[in-house]
C-alpha atoms as a PDB file:
ATOM      1  CA  UNK A   1    -168.169 154.345  39.854  1.00  0.00           C
ATOM      2  CA  UNK A   2    -169.811 151.123  40.854  1.00  0.00           C
ATOM      3  CA  UNK A   3    -168.480 147.752  40.900  1.00  0.00           C
ATOM      4  CA  UNK A   4    -169.874 144.493  38.997  1.00  0.00           C
ATOM      5  CA  UNK A   5    -169.241 140.893  38.651  1.00  0.00           C
ATOM      6  CA  UNK A   6    -169.935 139.558  35.238  1.00  0.00           C
ATOM      7  CA  UNK A   7    -170.042 135.713  34.758  1.00  0.00           C
ATOM      8  CA  UNK A   8    -170.085 134.519  30.888  1.00  0.00           C
ATOM      9  CA  UNK A   9    -170.457 131.359  29.336  1.00  0.00           C
ATOM     10  CA  UNK A  10    -169.228 131.243  25.726  1.00  0.00           C
ATOM     11  CA  UNK A  11    -171.292 129.839  22.875  1.00  0.00           C
ATOM     12  CA  UNK A  12    -169.516 127.366  20.775  1.00  0.00           C
ATOM     13  CA  UNK A  13    -169.105 130.451  18.187  1.00  0.00           C
ATOM     14  CA  UNK A  14    -167.552 132.422  21.002  1.00  0.00           C
ATOM     15  CA  UNK A  15    -165.353 129.763  22.146  1.00  0.00           C
ATOM     16  CA  UNK A  16    -163.872 129.404  18.422  1.00  0.00           C
ATOM     17  CA  UNK A  17    -163.451 133.068  18.461  1.00  0.00           C
ATOM     18  CA  UNK A  18    -161.195 133.020  21.507  1.00  0.00           C
ATOM     19  CA  UNK A  19    -159.268 130.139  19.894  1.00  0.00           C
ATOM     20  CA  UNK A  20    -158.947 132.051  16.563  1.00  0.00           C
ATOM     21  CA  UNK A  21    -158.784 135.696  17.811  1.00  0.00           C
ATOM     22  CA  UNK A  22    -155.710 135.613  19.821  1.00  0.00           C
ATOM     23  CA  UNK A  23    -156.613 133.726  22.687  1.00  0.00           C
ATOM     24  CA  UNK A  24    -157.196 134.785  26.224  1.00  0.00           C
ATOM     25  CA  UNK A  25    -155.097 137.841  26.262  1.00  0.00           C
ATOM     26  CA  UNK A  26    -156.721 139.366  23.109  1.00  0.00           C
ATOM     27  CA  UNK A  27    -160.176 138.684  24.640  1.00  0.00           C
ATOM     28  CA  UNK A  28    -159.159 140.641  27.811  1.00  0.00           C
ATOM     29  CA  UNK A  29    -157.842 143.589  25.847  1.00  0.00           C
ATOM     30  CA  UNK A  30    -161.411 143.418  23.794  1.00  0.00           C
ATOM     31  CA  UNK A  31    -163.256 143.634  27.095  1.00  0.00           C
ATOM     32  CA  UNK A  32    -161.022 146.475  28.440  1.00  0.00           C
ATOM     33  CA  UNK A  33    -161.682 148.256  25.432  1.00  0.00           C
ATOM     34  CA  UNK A  34    -165.383 147.633  25.495  1.00  0.00           C
ATOM     35  CA  UNK A  35    -165.463 148.913  29.111  1.00  0.00           C
ATOM     36  CA  UNK A  36    -163.446 151.992  28.385  1.00  0.00           C
ATOM     37  CA  UNK A  37    -166.071 152.809  25.724  1.00  0.00           C
ATOM     38  CA  UNK A  38    -168.609 153.338  28.386  1.00  0.00           C
ATOM     39  CA  UNK A  39    -166.196 155.219  30.807  1.00  0.00           C
ATOM     40  CA  UNK A  40    -165.412 152.058  33.002  1.00  0.00           C
ATOM     41  CA  UNK A  41    -162.433 149.634  33.494  1.00  0.00           C
ATOM     42  CA  UNK A  42    -161.690 145.922  33.932  1.00  0.00           C
ATOM     43  CA  UNK A  43    -160.511 145.202  37.516  1.00  0.00           C
ATOM     44  CA  UNK A  44    -159.821 141.634  36.912  1.00  0.00           C
ATOM     45  CA  UNK A  45    -160.572 138.863  34.210  1.00  0.00           C
ATOM     46  CA  UNK A  46    -160.250 135.220  34.794  1.00  0.00           C
ATOM     47  CA  UNK A  47    -161.093 132.299  32.445  1.00  0.00           C
ATOM     48  CA  UNK A  48    -162.598 129.139  34.099  1.00  0.00           C
ATOM     49  CA  UNK A  49    -164.235 125.769  33.471  1.00  0.00           C
ATOM     50  CA  UNK A  50    -167.160 124.490  34.994  1.00  0.00           C
ATOM     51  CA  UNK A  51    -170.553 126.602  35.076  1.00  0.00           C
ATOM     52  CA  UNK A  52    -169.025 129.588  33.505  1.00  0.00           C
ATOM     53  CA  UNK A  53    -166.197 130.448  31.066  1.00  0.00           C
ATOM     54  CA  UNK A  54    -165.212 134.054  32.215  1.00  0.00           C
ATOM     55  CA  UNK A  55    -165.558 135.857  35.425  1.00  0.00           C
ATOM     56  CA  UNK A  56    -164.764 139.376  35.101  1.00  0.00           C
ATOM     57  CA  UNK A  57    -164.951 142.332  37.885  1.00  0.00           C
ATOM     58  CA  UNK A  58    -165.421 145.711  36.401  1.00  0.00           C
ATOM     59  CA  UNK A  59    -165.917 149.319  37.719  1.00  0.00           C
ATOM     60  CA  UNK A  60    -168.576 151.135  35.617  1.00  0.00           C
ATOM     61  CA  UNK A  61    -170.145 154.435  35.860  1.00  0.00           C
ATOM     62  CA  UNK A  62    -173.917 153.261  36.415  1.00  0.00           C
ATOM     63  CA  UNK A  63    -176.396 150.460  35.824  1.00  0.00           C
ATOM     64  CA  UNK A  64    -177.243 151.801  32.531  1.00  0.00           C
ATOM     65  CA  UNK A  65    -173.778 151.609  31.067  1.00  0.00           C
ATOM     66  CA  UNK A  66    -173.600 147.940  32.246  1.00  0.00           C
ATOM     67  CA  UNK A  67    -177.170 147.265  30.800  1.00  0.00           C
ATOM     68  CA  UNK A  68    -175.735 148.559  27.457  1.00  0.00           C
ATOM     69  CA  UNK A  69    -172.607 146.236  27.696  1.00  0.00           C
ATOM     70  CA  UNK A  70    -174.966 143.376  28.428  1.00  0.00           C
ATOM     71  CA  UNK A  71    -177.342 143.899  25.652  1.00  0.00           C
ATOM     72  CA  UNK A  72    -174.342 144.506  23.158  1.00  0.00           C
ATOM     73  CA  UNK A  73    -172.575 141.341  24.219  1.00  0.00           C
ATOM     74  CA  UNK A  74    -175.908 139.230  24.453  1.00  0.00           C
ATOM     75  CA  UNK A  75    -177.005 140.370  21.033  1.00  0.00           C
ATOM     76  CA  UNK A  76    -173.404 139.263  19.576  1.00  0.00           C
ATOM     77  CA  UNK A  77    -174.317 135.566  19.847  1.00  0.00           C
ATOM     78  CA  UNK A  78    -170.709 134.857  21.708  1.00  0.00           C
ATOM     79  CA  UNK A  79    -172.298 133.985  24.839  1.00  0.00           C
ATOM     80  CA  UNK A  80    -175.186 131.440  25.934  1.00  0.00           C
ATOM     81  CA  UNK A  81    -175.329 132.840  29.438  1.00  0.00           C
ATOM     82  CA  UNK A  82    -174.459 136.309  30.811  1.00  0.00           C
ATOM     83  CA  UNK A  83    -175.045 137.258  34.344  1.00  0.00           C
ATOM     84  CA  UNK A  84    -174.256 140.707  36.079  1.00  0.00           C
ATOM     85  CA  UNK A  85    -174.076 140.692  39.806  1.00  0.00           C
ATOM     86  CA  UNK A  86    -173.845 144.157  41.583  1.00  0.00           C
ATOM     87  CA  UNK A  87    -170.990 144.344  44.077  1.00  0.00           C
ATOM     88  CA  UNK A  88    -171.155 146.282  47.201  1.00  0.00           C
ATOM     89  CA  UNK A  89    -168.288 147.325  49.553  1.00  0.00           C
ATOM     90  CA  UNK A  90    -168.392 146.863  53.390  1.00  0.00           C
ATOM     91  CA  UNK A  91    -168.819 150.944  53.496  1.00  0.00           C
ATOM     92  CA  UNK A  92    -171.867 150.617  51.135  1.00  0.00           C
ATOM     93  CA  UNK A  93    -173.337 147.900  53.453  1.00  0.00           C
ATOM     94  CA  UNK A  94    -172.629 150.185  56.563  1.00  0.00           C
ATOM     95  CA  UNK A  95    -174.149 152.845  54.887  1.00  0.00           C
ATOM     96  CA  UNK A  96    -177.548 150.675  54.143  1.00  0.00           C
ATOM     97  CA  UNK A  97    -177.306 149.468  57.585  1.00  0.00           C
ATOM     98  CA  UNK A  98    -177.807 153.234  58.891  1.00  0.00           C
ATOM     99  CA  UNK A  99    -180.743 153.779  56.739  1.00  0.00           C
ATOM    100  CA  UNK A 100    -184.191 153.320  58.253  1.00  0.00           C
ATOM    101  CA  UNK A 101    -186.481 152.203  55.376  1.00  0.00           C
ATOM    102  CA  UNK A 102    -190.333 152.191  56.271  1.00  0.00           C
ATOM    103  CA  UNK A 103    -191.797 148.661  55.523  1.00  0.00           C
ATOM    104  CA  UNK A 104    -195.033 147.079  56.221  1.00  0.00           C
ATOM    105  CA  UNK A 105    -194.904 143.328  55.591  1.00  0.00           C
ATOM    106  CA  UNK A 106    -197.840 141.831  53.667  1.00  0.00           C
ATOM    107  CA  UNK A 107    -200.960 141.405  56.067  1.00  0.00           C
ATOM    108  CA  UNK A 108    -199.448 143.535  58.566  1.00  0.00           C
END
């Protein structure tokens, strides 16, 4: 499983849906169901105010599953901004540091 941070900003329609649809707990349950439908899970879900309305860390099988989620959520009209960040563990960074990619900078 891969880990992702999803930041979402609700549209006015989406915010009204949170209010009328059972509040925050119901929204967390809905997102949990959404993730489970692609073989994933919710690690944490926090509501916030400021730049984004929700910060969700999720485990998902792969990038394709997360892309499907992002397209589904985006097409719903319930969010005005959705950002997905791939998260890497310290072990994954250790593995990356051990690799030796061949790179030639521009002009070299």
